[in-house]
Amino acid sequence: MLKTFIKTGLTAALTSTLIACGGDSDSDSASQSAGLNLNDCFWQGPYSIDNPASNFAYPDTGATYWSTRYTLPEGATLKLNGEFPYARYMSLNSYRADASPADAISDADIIPAQGAINPFINGNERYSELRDYSLTLAAGEIPEQPAENTLYDYAADGQAVLLYRVYVPDNGKSISGGVDLPEPELTTADGQTLSGQAACDALKNVQGLEDTPFVPADTYAKARQNNPAKTEPLWKAAYNFSYSLYCSFFGACNPTPERQVPWFANLDNQYMSSFIDRNIKPVVVIRGRIPNVPKTLKGASTFDNSNAQLRYWSICQNEYYSQKVTACLYDEQITINPDGKFTIVTSLEKDRPSNATEKCGVGYLKWSEDGDGFGILEGRENAETDGLLIIRNMLPVNGFDKTIQNTQIPGDEADVLAEFMPTTQYMTKLEFEALGCDAYTAL
């Protein structure tokens, strides 16, 4: 069947566009931005689970995203002037035409304005009011010697696409981390300086949400004839779209895939995922260890990265086709049991075990009733029992190598992650409830 599938043109499609932007002709509804209040002419969004029109590209509920698409005039210079947010992390990424990340600059790499403090440097004060910075958004690819405080746009067709991210705002702060979004300042070739709407007009800013790449509907319908979920769930590191589709649905796994994750991924993250299916059993239990992270949620006065191994860790439950996130838990939201591990259950609400509660030291992820979300397209039906778990590892510190970032070939995940590789098993509701309120001991 795989040979027939390839002959239908999938290989050509993947080579040219990888996946359809916005899906097939019947998928326009998947990326509609109608009804959003886009008050900022430069930044579009926010992209979050709370914004149904922007819940795609597998977002993390611990983060909020904003996008911009613009064309830099010939000879012009573009800067972003902003303040460091009160948050765990912030960054900007530029993207290629296939929605894979090209360049990134994250918080700790940004040199603050003169007299200001970068609150993401170990030991620095996090609540200083002196937190300004300025970045240059430059045209083209990264040179051999990139300039400081500069992000390169990789704008192959003249249009640059950037995403701005803020993860884990401090308690009581807004989704942008208690500060305004960075503001553009355009200096034209003749020396004129523009800001606000004038800058957006000169940059020909595109209004509305980005179109995210979707698997073409007919392609997915053929692939979904094969169930990617296994009775013993497998965790696989993400490499690229072609590898993911062939390996997950057809068992044709390139032994040396290139790592170029699409779906507007973050260069500071690497990902691994596991397909699950409620037809096997309705409850899935995930056990594992979380590397040390800096604690910021409750408003720590200084940034303490001294014992950290990662900047951020999360696990999410998603719909594979629609790319919607249903629920996530990130590091500071997860109870660590006395054995040093976490215990997380995912199920439909009706199948949630009575002991899958914070009181019993068990995290809970809601499983989408829409399964893979294929029903977002007219005339298509959801595979309602499907689920997709995704784990993120962000910015491992130097010397910590038990991370997804250090996986190199398919199948090496367990060896590389060692004690940080999760275990995953199916259970019934009654089987988990029989473990009582100290399930972590029994497991």
Protein backbone atom coordinates (compact mmCIF):
# COMPACT_ATOMS: atom_id res chain seq x y z
CA MET A 1 0.00 0.00 0.00
CA LEU A 2 2.87 2.35 0.77
CA LYS A 3 4.17 2.13 -2.80
CA THR A 4 0.71 2.95 -4.15
CA PHE A 5 0.51 5.85 -1.71
CA ILE A 6 3.82 7.28 -2.90
CA LYS A 7 2.75 6.99 -6.54
CA THR A 8 -0.29 9.16 -5.86
CA GLY A 9 2.04 12.14 -5.59
CA LEU A 10 2.78 12.40 -1.88
CA THR A 11 6.51 12.51 -2.44
CA ALA A 12 6.20 15.39 -4.89
CA ALA A 13 3.86 17.21 -2.56
CA LEU A 14 6.22 16.86 0.36
CA THR A 15 9.17 18.03 -1.70
CA SER A 16 7.47 21.18 -2.92
CA THR A 17 5.24 22.30 -0.06
CA LEU A 18 5.58 19.56 2.55
CA ILE A 19 1.98 19.98 3.55
CA ALA A 20 -0.92 22.10 2.40
CA CYS A 21 -1.07 25.55 3.98
CA GLY A 22 -4.53 25.82 5.44
CA GLY A 23 -5.22 22.29 4.19
CA ASP A 24 -7.25 21.37 1.11
CA SER A 25 -9.98 23.43 -0.44
CA ASP A 26 -12.41 22.15 2.18
CA SER A 27 -10.29 23.24 5.13
CA ASP A 28 -10.53 27.02 5.03
CA SER A 29 -12.34 27.00 8.37
CA ALA A 30 -9.25 25.53 10.02
CA SER A 31 -7.40 28.87 9.97
CA GLN A 32 -10.10 31.50 10.05
CA SER A 33 -9.28 34.61 12.07
CA ALA A 34 -12.74 36.17 12.00
CA GLY A 35 -13.82 37.69 15.27
CA LEU A 36 -10.35 38.35 16.68
CA ASN A 37 -9.70 41.76 18.13
CA LEU A 38 -6.38 42.65 16.49
CA ASN A 39 -5.63 46.05 17.98
CA ASP A 40 -1.91 45.96 17.20
CA CYS A 41 -1.05 46.61 13.56
CA PHE A 42 2.28 44.77 13.83
CA TRP A 43 1.48 41.77 16.03
CA GLN A 44 -1.40 39.41 15.32
CA GLY A 45 -3.00 37.11 17.87
CA PRO A 46 -2.85 36.05 20.59
CA TYR A 47 -2.51 32.39 19.68
CA SER A 48 -3.73 30.34 22.64
CA ILE A 49 -6.18 27.67 23.73
CA ASP A 50 -8.53 30.47 24.83
CA ASN A 51 -8.73 31.79 21.27
CA PRO A 52 -10.51 29.05 19.26
CA ALA A 53 -9.56 30.56 15.89
CA SER A 54 -5.86 30.35 16.79
CA ASN A 55 -5.76 26.93 18.46
CA PHE A 56 -3.62 25.18 15.86
CA ALA A 57 0.04 24.26 15.26
CA TYR A 58 0.07 22.34 18.58
CA PRO A 59 0.33 25.32 20.94
CA ASP A 60 1.42 24.90 24.56
CA THR A 61 -1.02 26.21 27.16
CA GLY A 62 1.94 27.41 29.24
CA ALA A 63 2.76 29.91 26.48
CA THR A 64 1.13 32.66 24.45
CA TYR A 65 2.20 33.49 20.90
CA TRP A 66 1.93 36.46 18.55
CA SER A 67 2.89 36.54 14.87
CA THR A 68 3.84 39.16 12.34
CA ARG A 69 4.26 39.05 8.56
CA TYR A 70 5.87 42.01 6.81
CA THR A 71 8.04 43.06 3.87
CA LEU A 72 11.16 45.05 4.69
CA PRO A 73 11.58 47.95 2.21
CA GLU A 74 14.81 48.07 0.24
CA GLY A 75 17.55 49.81 2.21
CA ALA A 76 15.43 50.15 5.36
CA THR A 77 16.35 49.13 8.91
CA LEU A 78 13.82 47.60 11.30
CA LYS A 79 14.14 47.49 15.07
CA LEU A 80 11.92 46.15 17.83
CA ASN A 81 11.93 48.08 21.08
CA GLY A 82 10.54 46.29 24.09
CA GLU A 83 10.74 45.36 27.74
CA PHE A 84 11.69 41.96 29.09
CA PRO A 85 8.50 40.29 30.37
CA TYR A 86 7.95 39.10 33.93
CA ALA A 87 7.95 35.46 32.91
CA ARG A 88 9.94 32.24 32.65
CA TYR A 89 10.98 32.77 29.03
CA MET A 90 10.56 34.88 25.91
CA SER A 91 11.90 34.61 22.36
CA LEU A 92 11.47 35.51 18.71
CA ASN A 93 11.74 33.00 15.86
CA SER A 94 11.79 33.59 12.11
CA TYR A 95 10.35 30.97 9.75
CA ARG A 96 10.90 29.38 6.37
CA ALA A 97 8.11 28.93 3.84
CA ASP A 98 7.38 25.41 5.19
CA ALA A 99 6.73 26.80 8.71
CA SER A 100 9.98 25.38 10.11
CA PRO A 101 12.06 27.72 12.28
CA ALA A 102 15.06 29.41 10.66
CA ASP A 103 16.59 31.71 13.27
CA ALA A 104 15.82 32.54 16.88
CA ILE A 105 16.89 34.90 19.61
CA SER A 106 15.84 34.21 23.18
CA ASP A 107 15.81 36.25 26.36
CA ALA A 108 19.22 35.43 27.87
CA ASP A 109 20.97 36.19 24.57
CA ILE A 110 19.57 39.72 24.37
CA ILE A 111 21.81 42.57 25.50
CA PRO A 112 19.66 45.04 27.45
CA ALA A 113 19.62 48.77 26.85
CA GLN A 114 22.30 50.81 28.61
CA GLY A 115 21.56 50.92 32.32
CA ALA A 116 18.90 48.19 32.10
CA ILE A 117 18.98 44.64 33.48
CA ASN A 118 18.30 41.40 31.64
CA PRO A 119 16.16 39.50 34.20
CA PHE A 120 16.84 36.14 32.50
CA ILE A 121 20.51 36.03 33.48
CA ASN A 122 21.31 33.82 36.46
CA GLY A 123 21.36 35.87 39.67
CA ASN A 124 19.85 39.00 38.11
CA GLU A 125 16.97 40.86 39.66
CA ARG A 126 13.68 39.89 38.02
CA TYR A 127 11.57 42.83 39.13
CA SER A 128 13.73 45.76 38.12
CA GLU A 129 11.79 48.43 36.23
CA LEU A 130 14.90 48.99 34.08
CA ARG A 131 14.22 46.20 31.55
CA ASP A 132 14.37 47.79 28.08
CA TYR A 133 16.00 46.20 25.05
CA SER A 134 16.24 46.82 21.31
CA LEU A 135 16.58 44.17 18.57
CA THR A 136 17.38 44.50 14.88
CA LEU A 137 15.33 42.45 12.40
CA ALA A 138 17.70 41.92 9.49
CA ALA A 139 17.02 40.60 5.99
CA GLY A 140 18.45 37.30 4.76
CA GLU A 141 20.08 34.26 6.32
CA ILE A 142 22.45 34.13 9.26
CA PRO A 143 25.95 35.28 8.21
CA GLU A 144 29.14 33.61 9.39
CA GLN A 145 29.48 36.29 12.05
CA PRO A 146 25.95 37.34 13.10
CA ALA A 147 25.50 40.73 14.68
CA GLU A 148 24.52 41.10 18.33
CA ASN A 149 20.85 41.55 19.20
CA THR A 150 19.86 40.63 15.65
CA LEU A 151 17.31 38.19 14.23
CA TYR A 152 17.59 37.19 10.55
CA ASP A 153 14.32 36.88 8.67
CA TYR A 154 15.05 34.25 5.94
CA ALA A 155 12.42 35.98 3.80
CA ALA A 156 12.77 34.01 0.56
CA ASP A 157 9.84 35.75 -1.16
CA GLY A 158 10.32 39.12 0.51
CA GLN A 159 7.80 38.44 3.26
CA ALA A 160 9.21 37.79 6.72
CA VAL A 161 7.29 35.70 9.26
CA LEU A 162 8.12 35.99 12.95
CA LEU A 163 6.61 34.57 16.13
CA TYR A 164 7.01 36.17 19.54
CA ARG A 165 6.55 33.89 22.57
CA VAL A 166 6.06 34.40 26.29
CA TYR A 167 6.07 31.34 28.57
CA VAL A 168 4.76 31.17 32.13
CA PRO A 169 3.99 34.77 33.09
CA ASP A 170 4.41 35.37 36.81
CA ASN A 171 1.25 34.97 38.85
CA GLY A 172 -0.83 38.13 38.51
CA LYS A 173 0.84 39.26 35.28
CA SER A 174 -0.86 39.46 31.89
CA ILE A 175 -0.37 36.90 29.12
CA SER A 176 2.39 39.12 27.71
CA GLY A 177 4.25 39.00 31.02
CA GLY A 178 3.04 42.34 32.35
CA VAL A 179 4.63 44.45 29.59
CA ASP A 180 3.59 45.73 26.17
CA LEU A 181 4.48 43.77 23.04
CA PRO A 182 7.71 44.92 21.34
CA GLU A 183 7.11 47.94 19.10
CA PRO A 184 8.52 48.33 15.57
CA GLU A 185 10.73 51.25 14.58
CA LEU A 186 11.45 51.51 10.85
CA THR A 187 14.19 53.70 9.43
CA THR A 188 13.73 54.12 5.68
CA ALA A 189 16.51 54.31 3.11
CA ASP A 190 16.23 58.11 3.10
CA GLY A 191 16.61 58.31 6.90
CA GLN A 192 12.99 58.80 7.90
CA THR A 193 11.99 57.10 11.17
CA LEU A 194 8.51 55.57 11.34
CA SER A 195 6.62 53.92 14.19
CA GLY A 196 3.08 52.75 14.91
CA GLN A 197 0.66 52.62 11.99
CA ALA A 198 3.07 54.47 9.70
CA ALA A 199 5.67 51.74 10.21
CA CYS A 200 3.07 49.00 9.64
CA ASP A 201 1.94 50.65 6.42
CA ALA A 202 5.49 50.93 5.11
CA LEU A 203 6.15 47.31 6.08
CA LYS A 204 2.95 46.15 4.37
CA ASN A 205 2.00 44.22 7.49
CA VAL A 206 -0.39 41.38 6.76
CA GLN A 207 -3.39 41.38 9.10
CA GLY A 208 -4.87 38.17 10.50
CA LEU A 209 -3.54 34.87 11.77
CA GLU A 210 -0.93 32.82 10.00
CA ASP A 211 -2.09 29.90 7.87
CA THR A 212 -0.64 26.79 9.42
CA PRO A 213 0.33 23.79 7.30
CA PHE A 214 -2.15 20.89 7.43
CA VAL A 215 -1.85 17.41 6.00
CA PRO A 216 -3.87 17.30 2.73
CA ALA A 217 -7.19 15.65 3.54
CA ASP A 218 -7.01 12.83 0.99
CA THR A 219 -3.44 12.10 2.02
CA TYR A 220 -4.43 11.86 5.68
CA ALA A 221 -7.51 9.75 4.95
CA LYS A 222 -5.26 7.14 3.30
CA ALA A 223 -2.70 7.32 6.07
CA ARG A 224 -5.31 6.99 8.82
CA GLN A 225 -6.32 3.57 7.50
CA ASN A 226 -3.32 2.50 9.60
CA ASN A 227 -3.61 3.16 13.35
CA PRO A 228 -0.38 4.78 14.64
CA ALA A 229 -1.17 3.92 18.29
CA LYS A 230 0.52 0.87 19.82
CA THR A 231 -0.66 -1.29 22.74
CA GLU A 232 2.62 -0.32 24.40
CA PRO A 233 2.81 3.40 23.59
CA LEU A 234 6.01 4.57 21.90
CA TRP A 235 7.64 7.96 22.37
CA LYS A 236 9.34 9.26 19.22
CA ALA A 237 11.44 12.39 18.86
CA ALA A 238 10.23 14.84 16.22
CA TYR A 239 12.35 15.26 13.10
CA ASN A 240 10.37 16.50 10.09
CA PHE A 241 6.93 16.16 8.57
CA SER A 242 7.76 13.48 6.01
CA TYR A 243 9.43 11.29 8.64
CA SER A 244 6.52 11.72 11.05
CA LEU A 245 3.88 10.76 8.51
CA TYR A 246 5.66 7.78 6.94
CA CYS A 247 7.03 6.38 10.19
CA SER A 248 3.92 6.82 12.33
CA PHE A 249 1.30 5.64 9.86
CA PHE A 250 3.19 3.27 7.54
CA GLY A 251 6.10 2.03 9.62
CA ALA A 252 8.53 3.30 6.98
CA CYS A 253 11.03 5.05 9.24
CA ASN A 254 13.99 6.82 7.66
CA PRO A 255 16.95 5.75 9.83
CA THR A 256 18.69 9.13 9.46
CA PRO A 257 16.01 11.83 9.21
CA GLU A 258 16.83 15.53 9.07
CA ARG A 259 15.64 17.51 12.07
CA GLN A 260 13.54 20.36 10.70
CA VAL A 261 10.32 20.41 12.70
CA PRO A 262 7.48 22.33 11.00
CA TRP A 263 4.22 23.68 12.55
CA PHE A 264 5.94 26.94 13.61
CA ALA A 265 8.13 25.09 16.10
CA ASN A 266 10.43 26.92 18.50
CA LEU A 267 14.17 26.47 17.90
CA ASP A 268 14.73 26.49 21.66
CA ASN A 269 12.45 23.45 22.05
CA GLN A 270 12.68 19.88 20.92
CA TYR A 271 9.72 17.56 20.98
CA MET A 272 8.72 13.94 21.24
CA SER A 273 5.26 12.48 20.86
CA SER A 274 3.22 9.33 21.39
CA PHE A 275 0.01 8.29 19.65
CA ILE A 276 -2.59 6.74 21.96
CA ASP A 277 -6.03 5.23 21.42
CA ARG A 278 -8.92 4.86 23.88
CA ASN A 279 -10.04 1.70 22.08
CA ILE A 280 -7.13 -0.08 23.74
CA LYS A 281 -8.16 1.08 27.22
CA PRO A 282 -9.80 4.39 28.18
CA VAL A 283 -7.18 5.63 30.65
CA VAL A 284 -3.52 6.31 29.88
CA VAL A 285 -1.05 6.74 32.75
CA ILE A 286 2.26 8.56 32.22
CA ARG A 287 5.06 8.28 34.79
CA GLY A 288 8.42 9.98 34.71
CA ARG A 289 10.89 12.50 36.04
CA ILE A 290 11.14 16.17 35.18
CA PRO A 291 14.59 17.77 34.90
CA ASN A 292 15.22 20.71 37.23
CA VAL A 293 13.89 24.06 36.01
CA PRO A 294 14.12 27.60 37.37
CA LYS A 295 11.04 28.40 39.49
CA THR A 296 9.47 31.71 38.45
CA LEU A 297 5.69 31.32 38.57
CA LYS A 298 5.29 32.73 42.08
CA GLY A 299 7.39 35.79 41.37
CA ALA A 300 10.91 34.89 42.47
CA SER A 301 12.91 38.06 43.11
CA THR A 302 15.99 36.82 41.24
CA PHE A 303 16.46 34.47 38.32
CA ASP A 304 17.98 31.28 39.73
CA ASN A 305 19.27 28.97 37.02
CA SER A 306 22.08 27.58 39.16
CA ASN A 307 20.59 24.11 39.64
CA ALA A 308 18.48 24.02 36.48
CA GLN A 309 18.83 21.38 33.78
CA LEU A 310 16.15 22.76 31.43
CA ARG A 311 14.43 26.10 31.15
CA TYR A 312 10.98 24.51 30.72
CA TRP A 313 9.24 21.13 30.45
CA SER A 314 5.65 20.33 29.51
CA ILE A 315 3.31 17.55 28.38
CA CYS A 316 0.23 18.19 26.23
CA GLN A 317 -2.75 16.26 24.91
CA ASN A 318 -3.53 17.18 21.30
CA GLU A 319 -5.65 16.42 18.24
CA TYR A 320 -3.29 15.20 15.54
CA TYR A 321 -5.09 16.47 12.44
CA SER A 322 -6.59 19.75 13.64
CA GLN A 323 -3.38 20.45 15.65
CA LYS A 324 -5.53 21.70 18.53
CA VAL A 325 -4.29 21.43 22.07
CA THR A 326 -6.80 20.08 24.57
CA ALA A 327 -4.78 20.43 27.77
CA CYS A 328 -1.19 20.78 28.98
CA LEU A 329 0.68 20.63 32.24
CA TYR A 330 4.06 22.30 32.65
CA ASP A 331 6.74 21.66 35.23
CA GLU A 332 5.58 23.99 38.03
CA GLN A 333 2.00 22.72 37.69
CA ILE A 334 2.93 19.08 38.26
CA THR A 335 3.07 17.34 41.64
CA ILE A 336 6.27 15.43 42.23
CA ASN A 337 5.48 12.27 44.19
CA PRO A 338 7.64 11.05 47.13
CA ASP A 339 9.44 8.68 44.75
CA GLY A 340 10.67 11.69 42.76
CA LYS A 341 8.38 10.99 39.81
CA PHE A 342 5.19 12.52 38.49
CA THR A 343 2.02 10.57 37.79
CA ILE A 344 -0.32 11.94 35.09
CA VAL A 345 -3.57 10.47 33.83
CA THR A 346 -5.28 11.34 30.56
CA SER A 347 -8.83 10.28 29.69
CA LEU A 348 -12.21 11.63 28.75
CA GLU A 349 -13.85 13.48 31.63
CA LYS A 350 -16.38 10.67 32.03
CA ASP A 351 -13.57 8.12 32.37
CA ARG A 352 -11.48 10.14 34.82
CA PRO A 353 -10.60 7.98 37.85
CA SER A 354 -11.80 9.41 41.15
CA ASN A 355 -8.21 9.33 42.46
CA ALA A 356 -6.75 11.19 39.47
CA THR A 357 -6.59 14.39 41.52
CA GLU A 358 -4.04 16.81 42.84
CA LYS A 359 -4.91 15.66 46.37
CA CYS A 360 -3.73 12.17 45.43
CA GLY A 361 -0.63 13.52 43.69
CA VAL A 362 -1.92 12.78 40.20
CA GLY A 363 -2.02 15.29 37.35
CA TYR A 364 -4.83 15.15 34.84
CA LEU A 365 -4.98 15.90 31.11
CA LYS A 366 -8.35 16.01 29.42
CA TRP A 367 -8.60 13.85 26.28
CA SER A 368 -10.43 15.48 23.39
CA GLU A 369 -13.77 13.95 22.46
CA ASP A 370 -12.91 14.85 18.84
CA GLY A 371 -9.94 12.47 18.80
CA ASP A 372 -7.76 13.44 15.86
CA GLY A 373 -9.93 16.46 14.93
CA PHE A 374 -10.30 15.41 11.28
CA GLY A 375 -13.92 16.53 11.48
CA ILE A 376 -12.89 20.18 11.23
CA LEU A 377 -13.15 19.55 7.48
CA GLU A 378 -16.57 19.30 5.93
CA GLY A 379 -17.37 15.73 4.91
CA ARG A 380 -14.63 14.22 7.10
CA GLU A 381 -15.09 12.29 10.32
CA ASN A 382 -13.09 12.36 13.53
CA ALA A 383 -11.23 9.28 14.66
CA GLU A 384 -12.81 9.91 18.04
CA THR A 385 -10.68 7.55 20.13
CA ASP A 386 -7.32 8.96 18.95
CA GLY A 387 -5.00 11.06 21.10
CA LEU A 388 -1.54 12.56 20.72
CA LEU A 389 0.79 13.31 23.62
CA ILE A 390 3.63 15.79 23.12
CA ILE A 391 6.51 16.49 25.52
CA ARG A 392 8.70 19.60 25.20
CA ASN A 393 12.25 20.11 26.40
CA MET A 394 13.47 23.72 26.30
CA LEU A 395 17.01 25.09 26.46
CA PRO A 396 19.03 22.41 28.27
CA VAL A 397 21.95 23.89 30.17
CA ASN A 398 25.50 23.14 29.14
CA GLY A 399 26.52 19.71 30.42
CA PHE A 400 23.00 18.28 30.72
CA ASP A 401 22.59 15.87 27.85
CA LYS A 402 19.60 13.71 28.85
CA THR A 403 17.29 15.69 26.62
CA ILE A 404 15.36 15.34 23.39
CA GLN A 405 17.85 17.77 21.86
CA ASN A 406 20.51 15.07 22.10
CA THR A 407 18.58 12.36 20.29
CA GLN A 408 20.21 11.70 16.94
CA ILE A 409 18.51 8.71 15.32
CA PRO A 410 15.04 7.17 15.66
CA GLY A 411 14.90 4.70 18.51
CA ASP A 412 17.61 6.24 20.69
CA GLU A 413 15.17 8.20 22.87
CA ALA A 414 15.26 5.85 25.87
CA ASP A 415 19.05 5.60 25.86
CA VAL A 416 19.50 9.36 25.61
CA LEU A 417 16.84 10.48 28.10
CA ALA A 418 17.65 7.66 30.55
CA GLU A 419 15.73 8.29 33.81
CA PHE A 420 13.88 11.21 32.16
CA MET A 421 12.24 8.92 29.60
CA PRO A 422 8.57 8.54 30.60
CA THR A 423 6.73 5.25 30.85
CA THR A 424 3.19 5.02 29.49
CA GLN A 425 0.55 2.37 30.06
CA TYR A 426 -3.14 1.76 29.43
CA MET A 427 -5.55 1.06 32.26
CA THR A 428 -9.28 1.01 32.88
CA LYS A 429 -10.89 3.49 35.23
CA LEU A 430 -11.47 0.74 37.80
CA GLU A 431 -7.88 -0.51 37.53
CA PHE A 432 -6.49 2.92 38.34
CA GLU A 433 -9.01 3.58 41.11
CA ALA A 434 -7.99 0.28 42.70
CA LEU A 435 -4.53 1.83 43.31
CA GLY A 436 -6.05 4.22 45.85
CA CYS A 437 -4.69 7.62 46.75
CA ASP A 438 -1.03 6.57 46.61
CA ALA A 439 -1.00 5.30 43.05
CA TYR A 440 2.62 6.34 42.64
CA THR A 441 3.64 3.66 45.16
CA ALA A 442 1.75 0.87 43.39
CA LEU A 443 3.03 1.98 40.00
